[in-house]
Each structure stands twice: as structure tokens, then as C-alpha cells.
N, C-alpha and C. Protein backbone atom coordinates (compact mmCIF):
# COMPACT_ATOMS: atom_id res chain seq x y z
N UNK A 1 19.97 -4.72 -32.30
CA UNK A 1 21.49 -4.70 -31.97
C UNK A 1 20.37 -3.15 -30.87
N UNK A 2 19.63 -2.15 -31.53
CA UNK A 2 19.35 -1.29 -30.61
C UNK A 2 18.95 -1.44 -29.50
N UNK A 3 18.21 -2.10 -29.28
CA UNK A 3 17.27 -2.76 -28.37
C UNK A 3 18.17 -3.02 -27.03
N UNK A 4 19.69 -3.50 -27.88
CA UNK A 4 20.62 -4.15 -26.56
C UNK A 4 21.39 -2.82 -26.40
N UNK A 5 21.49 -1.92 -26.86
CA UNK A 5 22.36 -0.74 -26.35
C UNK A 5 21.50 0.10 -25.44
N UNK A 6 20.55 0.53 -25.89
CA UNK A 6 19.38 0.46 -25.12
C UNK A 6 19.06 0.27 -24.14
N UNK A 7 18.70 -1.05 -23.92
CA UNK A 7 19.01 -1.46 -22.25
C UNK A 7 20.26 -1.35 -21.39
N UNK A 8 20.91 -1.74 -22.10
CA UNK A 8 22.78 -1.66 -21.38
C UNK A 8 22.55 0.18 -20.97
N UNK A 9 22.52 0.72 -21.32
CA UNK A 9 22.43 2.31 -21.10
C UNK A 9 21.42 2.26 -20.39
N UNK A 10 19.96 2.09 -20.19
CA UNK A 10 19.23 1.81 -19.41
C UNK A 10 20.04 1.07 -18.08
N UNK A 11 20.45 0.28 -17.68
CA UNK A 11 20.70 -0.37 -16.89
C UNK A 11 22.19 0.59 -15.63
N UNK A 12 22.82 1.21 -16.79
CA UNK A 12 24.21 2.10 -16.78
C UNK A 12 23.28 3.12 -15.67
N UNK A 13 22.33 3.59 -16.52
CA UNK A 13 22.12 4.99 -16.00
C UNK A 13 21.28 5.33 -14.90
N UNK A 14 20.49 4.28 -14.74
CA UNK A 14 19.20 4.01 -13.58
C UNK A 14 19.93 2.89 -12.19
N UNK A 15 21.24 2.44 -12.42
CA UNK A 15 21.41 1.55 -11.15
C UNK A 15 21.04 1.71 -10.24
N UNK A 16 20.55 3.52 -9.71
CA UNK A 16 20.85 3.68 -8.26
C UNK A 16 19.62 3.63 -8.02
N UNK A 17 18.50 3.56 -8.88
CA UNK A 17 16.89 3.69 -8.34
C UNK A 17 16.42 2.47 -7.81
N UNK A 18 16.96 1.77 -6.56
CA UNK A 18 16.64 0.93 -6.08
C UNK A 18 15.35 0.45 -5.38
N UNK A 19 15.24 1.78 -4.64
CA UNK A 19 13.45 1.82 -3.15
C UNK A 19 12.78 2.58 -4.39
N UNK A 20 11.46 1.67 -4.90
CA UNK A 20 10.84 3.00 -5.29
C UNK A 20 9.46 2.96 -4.38
N UNK A 21 8.51 4.02 -5.03
CA UNK A 21 7.26 4.03 -3.99
C UNK A 21 6.31 3.76 -5.42
N UNK A 22 5.93 2.63 -5.33
CA UNK A 22 4.27 2.17 -6.02
C UNK A 22 3.28 2.19 -5.15
N UNK A 23 1.98 2.93 -6.41
CA UNK A 23 0.49 3.18 -6.11
C UNK A 23 0.02 2.82 -7.13
N UNK A 24 -1.09 2.05 -6.93
CA UNK A 24 -2.06 1.99 -8.10
C UNK A 24 -2.94 2.69 -8.10
N UNK A 25 -3.36 2.40 -9.00
CA UNK A 25 -4.85 3.19 -8.94
C UNK A 25 -5.84 2.81 -10.20
N UNK A 26 -6.86 3.10 -10.88
CA UNK A 26 -7.70 2.64 -12.23
C UNK A 26 -6.74 2.67 -12.71
N UNK A 27 -5.95 3.45 -13.55
CA UNK A 27 -5.28 4.02 -14.75
C UNK A 27 -4.14 3.14 -15.06
N UNK A 28 -3.03 2.23 -14.01
CA UNK A 28 -2.31 1.65 -13.70
C UNK A 28 -1.15 1.89 -12.34
N UNK A 29 -0.45 2.67 -12.52
CA UNK A 29 0.59 3.08 -11.15
C UNK A 29 1.28 4.05 -11.28
N UNK A 30 1.39 4.77 -9.82
CA UNK A 30 2.53 6.06 -10.16
C UNK A 30 3.69 5.30 -9.27
N UNK A 31 5.05 5.44 -9.97
CA UNK A 31 5.80 5.57 -9.43
C UNK A 31 6.34 6.50 -8.99
N UNK A 32 7.05 6.40 -7.81
CA UNK A 32 8.00 7.55 -7.30
C UNK A 32 9.22 7.03 -7.18
N UNK A 33 10.29 7.32 -7.83
CA UNK A 33 11.61 7.11 -7.61
C UNK A 33 12.48 7.83 -6.30
N UNK A 34 13.89 7.10 -5.83
CA UNK A 34 14.55 7.28 -4.93
C UNK A 34 14.93 8.95 -5.29
N UNK A 35 14.82 9.58 -6.62
CA UNK A 35 15.43 11.12 -7.00
C UNK A 35 13.94 11.93 -7.09
N UNK A 36 12.72 11.16 -6.38
CA UNK A 36 11.66 11.98 -6.63
C UNK A 36 10.92 12.42 -7.94
N UNK A 37 11.47 11.62 -8.67
CA UNK A 37 10.93 11.68 -10.14
C UNK A 37 9.47 10.86 -9.95
N UNK A 38 7.99 11.35 -10.61
CA UNK A 38 7.37 10.47 -10.36
C UNK A 38 7.20 10.07 -11.87
N UNK A 39 6.67 9.14 -12.16
CA UNK A 39 6.65 8.22 -13.85
C UNK A 39 5.11 7.56 -13.36
N UNK A 40 4.55 8.24 -14.24
CA UNK A 40 2.88 7.17 -14.61
C UNK A 40 3.42 6.31 -15.64
N UNK A 41 2.72 4.63 -15.35
CA UNK A 41 2.76 3.64 -15.89
C UNK A 41 1.37 3.01 -16.38
N UNK A 42 0.67 3.10 -17.24
CA UNK A 42 -0.44 2.99 -18.20
C UNK A 42 -0.85 1.76 -18.23
N UNK A 43 -1.86 1.57 -17.86
CA UNK A 43 -2.31 -0.13 -18.52
C UNK A 43 -1.78 -0.65 -19.53
N UNK A 44 -2.30 0.30 -20.79
CA UNK A 44 -1.50 0.00 -22.34
C UNK A 44 -0.53 0.23 -22.48
N UNK A 45 0.55 0.33 -21.98
CA UNK A 45 1.80 0.36 -21.63
C UNK A 45 2.80 1.94 -22.17
N UNK A 46 1.90 2.72 -21.71
CA UNK A 46 1.83 4.28 -21.74
C UNK A 46 2.55 4.73 -20.31
N UNK A 47 3.15 5.67 -21.08
CA UNK A 47 4.16 6.13 -19.68
C UNK A 47 4.21 7.89 -19.92
N UNK A 48 4.61 8.42 -18.49
CA UNK A 48 4.33 9.68 -18.59
C UNK A 48 5.30 9.97 -17.11
N UNK A 49 5.65 11.50 -17.36
CA UNK A 49 6.57 12.19 -16.33
C UNK A 49 5.98 12.97 -15.51
N UNK A 50 6.10 13.12 -14.57
CA UNK A 50 5.33 14.24 -13.99
C UNK A 50 5.72 15.48 -14.03
N UNK A 51 5.18 16.68 -14.52
CA UNK A 51 6.00 17.53 -14.90
C UNK A 51 5.96 17.50 -16.62
N UNK A 52 5.65 16.79 -16.97
CA UNK A 52 5.93 16.74 -18.65
C UNK A 52 6.73 15.69 -19.16
N UNK A 53 6.22 14.99 -20.34
CA UNK A 53 6.68 14.25 -21.08
C UNK A 53 5.71 13.05 -21.24
N UNK A 54 6.17 12.10 -22.11
CA UNK A 54 4.87 10.92 -22.87
C UNK A 54 6.34 9.72 -23.28
N UNK A 55 5.81 8.76 -23.27
CA UNK A 55 6.70 7.16 -24.27
C UNK A 55 5.70 6.21 -23.50
N UNK A 56 6.81 5.28 -23.28
CA UNK A 56 5.78 3.59 -23.05
C UNK A 56 6.90 2.97 -22.15
N UNK A 57 6.22 2.32 -21.66
CA UNK A 57 7.14 0.90 -20.76
C UNK A 57 7.17 -0.24 -21.00
N UNK A 58 8.00 -1.40 -20.72
CA UNK A 58 7.45 -3.12 -20.94
C UNK A 58 8.18 -3.39 -19.29
N UNK A 59 8.45 -4.55 -19.93
CA UNK A 59 8.72 -5.95 -18.57
C UNK A 59 9.95 -6.03 -19.07
N UNK A 60 10.99 -6.54 -18.45
CA UNK A 60 12.28 -6.95 -19.04
C UNK A 60 12.59 -8.06 -17.61
N UNK A 61 13.68 -8.42 -18.22
CA UNK A 61 13.92 -9.67 -17.30
C UNK A 61 13.46 -9.81 -15.36
N UNK A 62 13.73 -8.78 -15.08
CA UNK A 62 13.55 -8.59 -13.76
C UNK A 62 13.55 -6.36 -13.18
N UNK A 63 12.80 -6.39 -14.13
CA UNK A 63 12.64 -4.79 -13.50
C UNK A 63 11.85 -4.45 -15.13
N UNK A 64 11.26 -2.99 -14.85
CA UNK A 64 10.35 -2.25 -16.07
C UNK A 64 11.21 -1.32 -16.76
N UNK A 65 11.17 -1.58 -18.07
CA UNK A 65 12.08 -0.43 -18.66
C UNK A 65 11.09 0.54 -18.85
N UNK A 66 11.46 2.08 -18.69
CA UNK A 66 11.00 3.26 -18.73
C UNK A 66 11.34 3.95 -19.88
N UNK A 67 10.95 4.38 -21.37
CA UNK A 67 11.17 5.20 -21.85
C UNK A 67 10.30 7.04 -22.46
N UNK A 68 10.28 8.10 -22.09
CA UNK A 68 10.26 9.18 -22.04
C UNK A 68 10.63 10.35 -22.64
N UNK A 69 10.37 10.44 -23.83
CA UNK A 69 11.13 11.38 -24.56
C UNK A 69 12.72 11.62 -24.50
N UNK A 70 13.05 9.82 -24.94
CA UNK A 70 14.13 9.65 -25.03
C UNK A 70 15.63 8.92 -23.82
N UNK A 71 14.71 10.06 -22.73
CA UNK A 71 15.31 9.26 -21.67
C UNK A 71 15.08 7.78 -21.08
N UNK A 72 15.57 7.26 -20.70
CA UNK A 72 15.64 5.53 -20.04
C UNK A 72 15.62 5.81 -18.29
N UNK A 73 14.48 5.27 -17.83
CA UNK A 73 14.24 4.95 -16.76
C UNK A 73 14.19 3.35 -16.30
N UNK A 74 14.87 3.03 -14.97
CA UNK A 74 14.45 2.03 -14.74
C UNK A 74 13.72 1.22 -13.25
N UNK A 75 12.69 1.01 -13.22
CA UNK A 75 11.64 0.40 -11.74
C UNK A 75 12.05 -1.12 -11.39
N UNK A 76 12.67 -1.31 -10.69
CA UNK A 76 12.76 -2.67 -10.34
C UNK A 76 11.32 -3.74 -9.94
N UNK A 77 11.24 -4.48 -10.06
CA UNK A 77 9.86 -5.16 -10.13
C UNK A 77 10.33 -6.83 -9.55
N UNK A 78 11.81 -6.17 -8.50
CA UNK A 78 11.47 -7.82 -7.50
C UNK A 78 10.10 -8.27 -7.08
N UNK A 79 9.46 -7.14 -5.89
CA UNK A 79 7.77 -7.31 -5.64
C UNK A 79 7.04 -7.62 -6.18
N UNK A 80 7.03 -6.93 -7.43
CA UNK A 80 6.00 -7.11 -8.72
C UNK A 80 5.22 -5.84 -8.37
N UNK A 81 4.09 -5.59 -8.91
CA UNK A 81 3.55 -4.56 -9.05
C UNK A 81 1.75 -5.36 -10.06
N UNK A 82 1.20 -5.55 -9.09
CA UNK A 82 0.28 -6.77 -9.73
C UNK A 82 -0.82 -5.86 -10.50
N UNK A 83 -0.52 -4.58 -10.15
CA UNK A 83 -1.72 -3.91 -11.12
C UNK A 83 -1.40 -3.46 -12.24
N UNK A 84 -0.45 -3.70 -13.03
CA UNK A 84 0.05 -3.70 -14.40
C UNK A 84 0.21 -5.00 -14.72
N UNK A 85 -0.12 -4.57 -16.81
CA UNK A 85 -0.03 -6.29 -17.28
C UNK A 85 1.09 -6.12 -17.72
N UNK A 86 1.56 -7.32 -18.63
CA UNK A 86 2.71 -7.58 -19.18
C UNK A 86 2.67 -6.57 -20.35
N UNK A 87 3.72 -5.95 -20.80
CA UNK A 87 3.97 -5.49 -21.79
C UNK A 87 5.22 -5.66 -22.60
N UNK A 88 5.56 -5.83 -23.72
CA UNK A 88 6.57 -6.12 -24.46
C UNK A 88 7.33 -4.57 -24.74
N UNK A 89 8.87 -4.91 -25.06
CA UNK A 89 9.24 -3.80 -25.80
C UNK A 89 8.97 -3.40 -27.34
N UNK A 90 8.38 -2.30 -27.16
CA UNK A 90 8.19 -2.02 -28.68
C UNK A 90 9.23 -2.17 -29.57
N UNK A 91 9.01 -2.18 -30.83
CA UNK A 91 10.03 -2.84 -31.89
C UNK A 91 10.28 -1.16 -32.36
């Protein structure tokens, strides 16, 4: 139930993020959201935010979910991010 509530809140809170900039690097990918927020998504399913904060990311049906210090983000995955592995939502 917690996952359903979290994912619903994630979609509602971040639906405006539709045009991200993705740059792959040796550690994973750096994603700049439309509001200027920079997220670092690691190859070990770890995540960080420029300016501080750490968390994790996971693959969902049509996007990547990201949680950093209790704040949810959504990264559209329609074009795919080839430099990242598949990550499941942690329990």
C-alpha cells in the first residue's frame, strides 16, 4: 500500500517534468529537470541531488522514480537512458 500511495504522490507532484536533459557518465547519468534541479542517478540504483541529498531510483512502467531525502521526482523514460541498468523499487 505504501508503494501505491508513494507512486501516486510522485505522479501528481512531478507531472510537469516532461523535458529533461540527460548526460551519461562513468557513474550513471546526470539528469537536469525542467525546473533546473539536477539529479545524479548511479549505476547501483543510488541517487543524489546537486546541492545535497541522497536516496535511490527505480524503473517504473513509463518513467524512472527517484526519492531523495523523502522528496519524490519523476524522470520520463520514453527515449530510454541506455547508460543505466534496471532497478527495482526497494522494499
